[in-house]
Protein backbone atom coordinates (compact mmCIF):
# COMPACT_ATOMS: atom_id res chain seq x y z
CA UNK A 1 7.22 -90.64 68.18
CA UNK A 2 7.34 -94.07 66.45
CA UNK A 3 10.52 -94.87 68.41
CA UNK A 4 8.83 -94.10 71.71
CA UNK A 5 5.85 -96.28 70.78
CA UNK A 6 8.20 -99.15 69.88
CA UNK A 7 10.00 -98.70 73.22
CA UNK A 8 6.75 -98.90 75.14
CA UNK A 9 5.48 -101.93 73.17
CA UNK A 10 8.73 -104.02 73.06
CA UNK A 11 10.19 -104.93 76.44
CA UNK A 12 13.59 -106.34 77.41
CA UNK A 13 12.02 -109.66 78.50
CA UNK A 14 10.50 -110.09 75.01
CA UNK A 15 13.87 -109.64 73.34
CA UNK A 16 15.65 -111.94 75.79
CA UNK A 17 13.02 -114.67 75.47
CA UNK A 18 13.21 -114.49 71.69
CA UNK A 19 17.05 -114.69 71.83
CA UNK A 20 16.90 -117.72 74.20
CA UNK A 21 14.43 -119.44 71.91
CA UNK A 22 16.64 -118.84 68.87
CA UNK A 23 19.67 -120.12 70.80
CA UNK A 24 17.83 -123.31 71.82
CA UNK A 25 16.84 -123.72 68.16
CA UNK A 26 20.52 -123.62 67.27
CA UNK A 27 20.25 -120.29 65.53
CA UNK A 28 22.38 -117.26 66.17
CA UNK A 29 20.28 -114.46 67.62
CA UNK A 30 20.41 -111.42 65.36
CA UNK A 31 18.44 -108.20 65.38
CA UNK A 32 16.40 -109.19 62.36
CA UNK A 33 15.71 -112.72 63.68
CA UNK A 34 14.67 -111.34 67.07
CA UNK A 35 12.32 -108.83 65.39
CA UNK A 36 10.85 -111.63 63.27
CA UNK A 37 10.48 -113.78 66.37
CA UNK A 38 8.73 -111.04 68.31
CA UNK A 39 6.82 -109.73 65.32
CA UNK A 40 7.39 -106.05 66.16
CA UNK A 41 10.04 -103.58 67.27
CA UNK A 42 12.52 -101.44 65.43
CA UNK A 43 16.24 -102.27 65.02
CA UNK A 44 17.18 -99.30 67.19
CA UNK A 45 15.00 -100.64 69.99
CA UNK A 46 15.98 -104.29 69.67
CA UNK A 47 19.75 -103.71 69.26
CA UNK A 48 20.59 -102.41 72.78
CA UNK A 49 18.35 -105.04 74.38
CA UNK A 50 20.03 -107.79 72.36
CA UNK A 51 23.49 -106.48 73.38
CA UNK A 52 22.36 -106.59 77.04
CA UNK A 53 21.24 -110.21 76.48
CA UNK A 54 24.67 -111.12 75.09
CA UNK A 55 26.30 -109.39 78.06
CA UNK A 56 24.36 -111.54 80.52
CA UNK A 57 24.58 -114.77 78.53
CA UNK A 58 27.93 -115.91 80.02
CA UNK A 59 27.03 -115.36 83.67
CA UNK A 60 23.67 -117.03 83.16
CA UNK A 61 25.28 -120.08 81.55
CA UNK A 62 27.88 -120.37 84.36
CA UNK A 63 25.54 -119.45 87.23
CA UNK A 64 25.45 -123.07 88.65
CA UNK A 65 29.25 -123.26 89.46
CA UNK A 66 29.65 -119.63 90.43
CA UNK A 67 31.90 -119.03 87.45
CA UNK A 68 31.92 -118.83 83.71
CA UNK A 69 31.27 -122.06 81.88
CA UNK A 70 32.61 -120.62 78.71
CA UNK A 71 36.04 -119.61 79.80
CA UNK A 72 37.67 -122.02 77.34
CA UNK A 73 38.72 -124.60 79.93
CA UNK A 74 37.18 -128.07 79.33
CA UNK A 75 37.80 -129.27 82.87
CA UNK A 76 35.89 -126.36 84.27
CA UNK A 77 33.04 -126.94 81.82
CA UNK A 78 32.93 -130.60 82.73
CA UNK A 79 32.95 -129.71 86.43
CA UNK A 80 29.78 -127.72 85.82
CA UNK A 81 28.07 -130.84 84.50
CA UNK A 82 27.95 -129.68 80.83
CA UNK A 83 28.98 -131.92 78.01
CA UNK A 84 32.22 -130.83 76.36
CA UNK A 85 30.58 -130.74 72.92
CA UNK A 86 27.87 -128.43 74.19
CA UNK A 87 30.37 -126.29 75.95
CA UNK A 88 32.49 -126.02 72.77
CA UNK A 89 29.43 -125.28 70.70
CA UNK A 90 28.26 -122.69 73.14
CA UNK A 91 31.73 -121.18 73.20
CA UNK A 92 31.80 -120.98 69.41
CA UNK A 93 28.31 -119.53 69.36
CA UNK A 94 29.35 -117.10 72.07
CA UNK A 95 32.39 -116.01 70.12
CA UNK A 96 30.36 -115.67 66.91
CA UNK A 97 27.66 -113.77 68.75
CA UNK A 98 30.21 -111.45 70.27
CA UNK A 99 31.87 -110.90 66.88
CA UNK A 100 28.53 -110.36 65.17
CA UNK A 101 27.37 -108.15 68.01
CA UNK A 102 30.54 -106.12 67.71
CA UNK A 103 30.14 -105.93 63.92
CA UNK A 104 26.47 -105.10 64.31
CA UNK A 105 27.33 -102.47 66.91
CA UNK A 106 30.03 -101.10 64.63
CA UNK A 107 27.64 -101.20 61.70
CA UNK A 108 25.00 -99.43 63.77
CA UNK A 109 27.44 -96.95 65.23
CA UNK A 110 29.18 -96.19 61.89
CA UNK A 111 26.24 -94.21 60.48
CA UNK A 112 25.91 -92.55 63.85
CA UNK A 113 29.60 -91.68 63.82
CA UNK A 114 29.40 -90.52 60.22
CA UNK A 115 26.27 -88.59 61.08
CA UNK A 116 28.02 -87.10 64.10
CA UNK A 117 31.06 -86.30 62.00
CA UNK A 118 28.83 -84.80 59.31
CA UNK A 119 26.95 -82.88 61.97
CA UNK A 120 30.23 -81.78 63.54
CA UNK A 121 31.53 -80.75 60.09
CA UNK A 122 28.25 -79.01 59.37
CA UNK A 123 28.46 -77.36 62.78
CA UNK A 124 32.05 -76.28 62.08
CA UNK A 125 31.00 -75.04 58.63
CA UNK A 126 28.00 -73.34 60.16
CA UNK A 127 30.17 -71.72 62.83
CA UNK A 128 32.70 -70.66 60.19
CA UNK A 129 29.88 -69.40 57.96
CA UNK A 130 28.36 -67.67 60.98
CA UNK A 131 31.71 -66.09 61.78
CA UNK A 132 32.10 -65.03 58.15
CA UNK A 133 28.52 -63.84 58.12
CA UNK A 134 29.08 -61.90 61.33
CA UNK A 135 32.27 -60.41 59.87
CA UNK A 136 30.43 -59.63 56.65
CA UNK A 137 27.54 -58.19 58.63
CA UNK A 138 29.99 -56.09 60.62
CA UNK A 139 31.59 -54.91 57.41
CA UNK A 140 28.17 -54.30 55.90
CA UNK A 141 27.10 -52.50 59.04
CA UNK A 142 30.22 -50.33 58.93
CA UNK A 143 29.68 -49.75 55.22
CA UNK A 144 26.00 -49.04 55.86
CA UNK A 145 26.83 -46.61 58.64
CA UNK A 146 29.42 -44.97 56.43
CA UNK A 147 26.92 -44.89 53.54
CA UNK A 148 24.30 -43.43 55.89
CA UNK A 149 26.78 -40.77 56.99
CA UNK A 150 27.62 -40.04 53.37
CA UNK A 151 23.90 -40.07 52.50
CA UNK A 152 23.15 -37.68 55.37
CA UNK A 153 25.98 -35.42 54.19
CA UNK A 154 24.73 -35.66 50.61
CA UNK A 155 21.16 -34.95 51.75
CA UNK A 156 22.39 -31.94 53.67
CA UNK A 157 24.45 -30.83 50.68
CA UNK A 158 21.55 -31.51 48.33
CA UNK A 159 19.25 -29.56 50.64
CA UNK A 160 21.63 -26.61 50.49
CA UNK A 161 21.97 -27.05 46.76
CA UNK A 162 18.20 -27.28 46.44
CA UNK A 163 17.86 -24.05 48.37
CA UNK A 164 20.48 -22.48 46.10
CA UNK A 165 18.65 -23.82 43.06
CA UNK A 166 15.36 -22.47 44.35
CA UNK A 167 16.99 -19.09 44.96
CA UNK A 168 18.58 -19.27 41.51
CA UNK A 169 15.19 -20.26 40.07
CA UNK A 170 13.55 -17.27 41.70
CA UNK A 171 16.33 -15.02 40.44
CA UNK A 172 15.97 -16.59 37.02
CA UNK A 173 12.23 -15.97 37.07
CA UNK A 174 12.82 -12.37 38.09
CA UNK A 175 15.47 -12.03 35.37
CA UNK A 176 13.09 -13.65 32.85
CA UNK A 177 10.33 -11.23 33.89
CA UNK A 178 12.74 -8.31 33.56
CA UNK A 179 13.92 -9.59 30.20
CA UNK A 180 10.30 -10.06 29.13
CA UNK A 181 9.49 -6.49 30.06
CA UNK A 182 12.63 -5.31 28.31
CA UNK A 183 11.73 -7.42 25.29
CA UNK A 184 8.27 -5.89 25.22
CA UNK A 185 9.80 -2.42 25.48
CA UNK A 186 12.26 -3.28 22.72
CA UNK A 187 9.43 -4.64 20.57
CA UNK A 188 7.46 -1.44 21.11
CA UNK A 189 10.56 0.59 20.36
CA UNK A 190 11.26 -1.56 17.33
CA UNK A 191 7.68 -1.10 16.16
CA UNK A 192 8.03 2.66 16.63
CA UNK A 193 11.38 2.61 14.82
CA UNK A 194 9.91 0.57 12.00
CA UNK A 195 6.98 2.95 11.77
CA UNK A 196 9.36 5.92 11.79
CA UNK A 197 11.55 4.18 9.23
CA UNK A 198 8.54 3.44 7.03
CA UNK A 199 7.43 7.04 7.32
CA UNK A 200 11.00 8.14 6.58
CA UNK A 201 11.10 5.75 3.60
CA UNK A 202 7.83 7.16 2.35
CA UNK A 203 9.11 10.70 2.83
CA UNK A 204 12.37 9.78 1.15
CA UNK A 205 10.50 8.14 -1.73
CA UNK A 206 8.42 11.31 -2.04
CA UNK A 207 11.59 13.39 -1.98
CA UNK A 208 13.09 11.07 -4.57
CA UNK A 209 10.03 11.44 -6.78
CA UNK A 210 10.17 15.20 -6.34
CA UNK A 211 13.90 15.14 -7.08
CA UNK A 212 13.30 13.04 -10.18
CA UNK A 213 10.52 15.41 -11.25
CA UNK A 214 12.75 18.41 -10.54
CA UNK A 215 15.58 16.74 -12.45
CA UNK A 216 13.26 16.04 -15.35
CA UNK A 217 12.09 19.66 -15.27
CA UNK A 218 15.67 20.87 -15.14
CA UNK A 219 16.58 18.52 -17.99
CA UNK A 220 13.59 19.80 -19.96
CA UNK A 221 14.59 23.38 -19.25
CA UNK A 222 18.19 22.62 -20.17
CA UNK A 223 17.01 21.04 -23.41
CA UNK A 224 14.86 24.08 -24.09
CA UNK A 225 17.83 26.35 -23.34
CA UNK A 226 19.96 24.18 -25.58
CA UNK A 227 17.36 24.38 -28.33
CA UNK A 228 17.20 28.14 -27.93
CA UNK A 229 21.01 28.26 -27.98
CA UNK A 230 21.01 26.18 -31.15
CA UNK A 231 18.39 28.46 -32.71
CA UNK A 232 20.34 31.52 -31.66
CA UNK A 233 23.51 29.93 -33.02
CA UNK A 234 21.74 29.22 -36.29
CA UNK A 235 20.45 32.77 -36.35
CA UNK A 236 23.91 34.09 -35.56
CA UNK A 237 25.42 31.93 -38.28
CA UNK A 238 22.73 33.12 -40.68
CA UNK A 239 23.42 36.69 -39.65
CA UNK A 240 27.12 36.02 -40.08
CA UNK A 241 26.51 34.64 -43.55
CA UNK A 242 24.33 37.62 -44.29
CA UNK A 243 27.04 39.89 -43.02
CA UNK A 244 29.58 38.04 -45.09
CA UNK A 245 27.37 38.37 -48.12
CA UNK A 246 26.85 42.00 -47.26
CA UNK A 247 30.56 42.38 -46.79
CA UNK A 248 31.15 40.75 -50.14
CA UNK A 249 28.60 43.06 -51.68
CA UNK A 250 30.19 46.02 -49.98
CA UNK A 251 33.61 44.91 -51.09
CA UNK A 252 32.35 44.48 -54.64
CA UNK A 253 30.65 47.77 -54.42
CA UNK A 254 33.81 49.18 -52.95
CA UNK A 255 35.83 47.82 -55.85
CA UNK A 256 33.33 49.15 -58.29
CA UNK A 257 33.07 52.50 -56.59
CA UNK A 258 36.78 52.67 -55.76
CA UNK A 259 37.46 55.19 -58.44
CA UNK A 260 34.32 57.15 -57.77
CA UNK A 261 34.23 56.86 -53.98
CA UNK A 262 37.86 57.62 -53.32
CA UNK A 263 36.81 60.34 -51.05
CA UNK A 264 34.74 57.96 -48.92
CA UNK A 265 37.61 55.53 -48.42
CA UNK A 266 38.22 56.30 -44.82
CA UNK A 267 34.53 55.99 -43.99
CA UNK A 268 34.26 52.66 -45.81
CA UNK A 269 37.46 51.48 -44.12
CA UNK A 270 35.92 52.28 -40.78
CA UNK A 271 32.78 50.44 -41.76
CA UNK A 272 34.91 47.50 -42.85
CA UNK A 273 36.68 47.40 -39.52
CA UNK A 274 33.35 47.59 -37.77
CA UNK A 275 32.02 44.74 -39.88
CA UNK A 276 35.12 42.66 -39.13
CA UNK A 277 34.66 43.36 -35.42
CA UNK A 278 31.06 42.23 -35.69
CA UNK A 279 32.20 39.12 -37.52
CA UNK A 280 34.70 38.39 -34.75
CA UNK A 281 32.01 39.03 -32.17
CA UNK A 282 29.67 36.68 -33.98
CA UNK A 283 32.40 34.05 -34.16
CA UNK A 284 33.07 34.54 -30.47
CA UNK A 285 29.34 34.18 -29.76
CA UNK A 286 29.28 31.02 -31.84
CA UNK A 287 32.19 29.56 -29.90
CA UNK A 288 30.55 30.55 -26.61
CA UNK A 289 27.29 28.94 -27.70
CA UNK A 290 29.12 25.74 -28.61
CA UNK A 291 30.94 25.76 -25.23
CA UNK A 292 27.64 26.42 -23.42
CA UNK A 293 26.06 23.56 -25.32
CA UNK A 294 28.89 21.21 -24.28
CA UNK A 295 28.64 22.46 -20.67
CA UNK A 296 24.88 21.89 -20.64
CA UNK A 297 25.34 18.38 -21.97
CA UNK A 298 28.01 17.68 -19.30
CA UNK A 299 25.74 19.13 -16.58
CA UNK A 300 22.86 16.99 -17.77
CA UNK A 301 25.07 13.88 -17.75
CA UNK A 302 26.34 14.76 -14.26
CA UNK A 303 22.80 15.25 -12.97
CA UNK A 304 21.75 11.88 -14.44
CA UNK A 305 24.73 10.18 -12.78
CA UNK A 306 23.97 11.93 -9.46
CA UNK A 307 20.33 10.82 -9.55
CA UNK A 308 21.31 7.24 -10.44
CA UNK A 309 23.92 7.15 -7.66
CA UNK A 310 21.38 8.48 -5.16
CA UNK A 311 18.82 5.87 -6.28
CA UNK A 312 21.40 3.07 -5.95
CA UNK A 313 22.35 4.36 -2.50
CA UNK A 314 18.70 4.26 -1.39
CA UNK A 315 18.29 0.73 -2.78
CA UNK A 316 21.43 -0.39 -0.93
CA UNK A 317 20.13 1.20 2.26
CA UNK A 318 16.77 -0.56 1.82
CA UNK A 319 18.59 -3.88 1.19
CA UNK A 320 20.44 -3.55 4.46
CA UNK A 321 17.20 -3.49 6.42
CA UNK A 322 18.49 -5.82 9.12
CA UNK A 323 21.55 -3.69 9.73
CA UNK A 324 19.43 -0.56 9.66
CA UNK A 325 17.04 -2.07 12.25
CA UNK A 326 19.98 -3.07 14.48
CA UNK A 327 21.49 0.38 14.03
CA UNK A 328 18.08 1.90 14.74
CA UNK A 329 17.76 -0.22 17.92
CA UNK A 330 21.23 0.83 19.03
CA UNK A 331 20.52 4.42 18.12
CA UNK A 332 17.17 4.26 19.89
CA UNK A 333 18.81 2.82 23.00
CA UNK A 334 21.28 5.72 22.97
CA UNK A 335 18.57 8.27 22.28
CA UNK A 336 19.88 8.97 18.75
CA UNK A 337 18.62 8.15 15.27
CA UNK A 338 20.86 7.40 12.30
CA UNK A 339 21.34 10.39 10.04
CA UNK A 340 19.99 10.11 6.52
CA UNK A 341 22.01 11.46 3.72
CA UNK A 342 20.28 14.37 1.92
CA UNK A 343 20.85 14.52 -1.82
CA UNK A 344 22.55 17.71 -2.93
CA UNK A 345 20.22 20.32 -4.28
CA UNK A 346 20.30 20.68 -7.99
CA UNK A 347 22.20 23.76 -9.05
CA UNK A 348 20.36 26.10 -11.35
CA UNK A 349 21.47 26.09 -14.93
CA UNK A 350 23.79 28.89 -15.89
CA UNK A 351 22.50 30.94 -18.69
CA UNK A 352 24.44 30.35 -21.83
CA UNK A 353 26.43 33.30 -23.13
CA UNK A 354 24.56 35.08 -25.86
CA UNK A 355 21.28 33.17 -25.07
CA UNK A 356 18.11 35.18 -24.88
CA UNK A 357 14.70 34.36 -23.47
CA UNK A 358 11.96 33.81 -25.92
CA UNK A 359 9.45 36.58 -26.19
CA UNK A 360 12.07 39.23 -25.42
CA UNK A 361 13.75 39.24 -28.83
């Protein structure tokens, strides 16, 4: 906009008048001097007008003779009525002006050329960048289309997978509900099994207490029988001693009455044999009582060991509560319960040979 204003304000006649005035002053017309002379105008506006002035300077100077007064020929210049010195000066000024105008034009055109070259280079770079950008955009578009196709395929696959997951989730929920119901049933069954086991433990403990009481009673009875056997053995031994003493007395009496009781010999011999048989019988009874005593002691020891083994077995079974519960769950699932071992019934004590009940003596 400033350039257009300068073009409207500065005219060609202004530039030419200023150049003529500078030439008459003996100064070389330059762009800066013309601008200073006019007092306005930009170099871009003044420069082409000044070049036009230089282009018309030769014809204007040689207009009177119909030819150029500055063609370098002195005779021609003199024929035009110009002094040779002036003609030479004008020719030098003309040559300098042309050289300066050419340099000024080159100087003015050099930035334009450089600018044009820079613009051309920038245009080439821009076109190359545009081509690269278009190629990149084409590649990106192809990649984007491929990515969109892959994304659509993945979305479709994910949709199918989501449907499968939802179906699996529903099946999982149904399975969890079934497992929950089964767990509740198992808990109820486990509670029932625990209750049954507790009742069985209580019943077994009661049976164990009864067994211990029965064992104690049997032990007490065995001890009583043993005491009676001991008493009977003592009585038999006392009777045996009495019989021995009686036998000794009889033998002494027999020795004393041997001469007088010769006739009763056979009868006394028979009595002696009978007494010896009784002694043997008493000895046999004593041996039987001793054997019965040893058997009773062995039976009592066996019963103690049986009761202790049964008690240890029950303690071991109670210690394996986890395994018992698992076995109970398995047995409950199969409709069976684990069998509990029943302690063998205590065998009644065998009456000792030769023993007699008290009160019946």
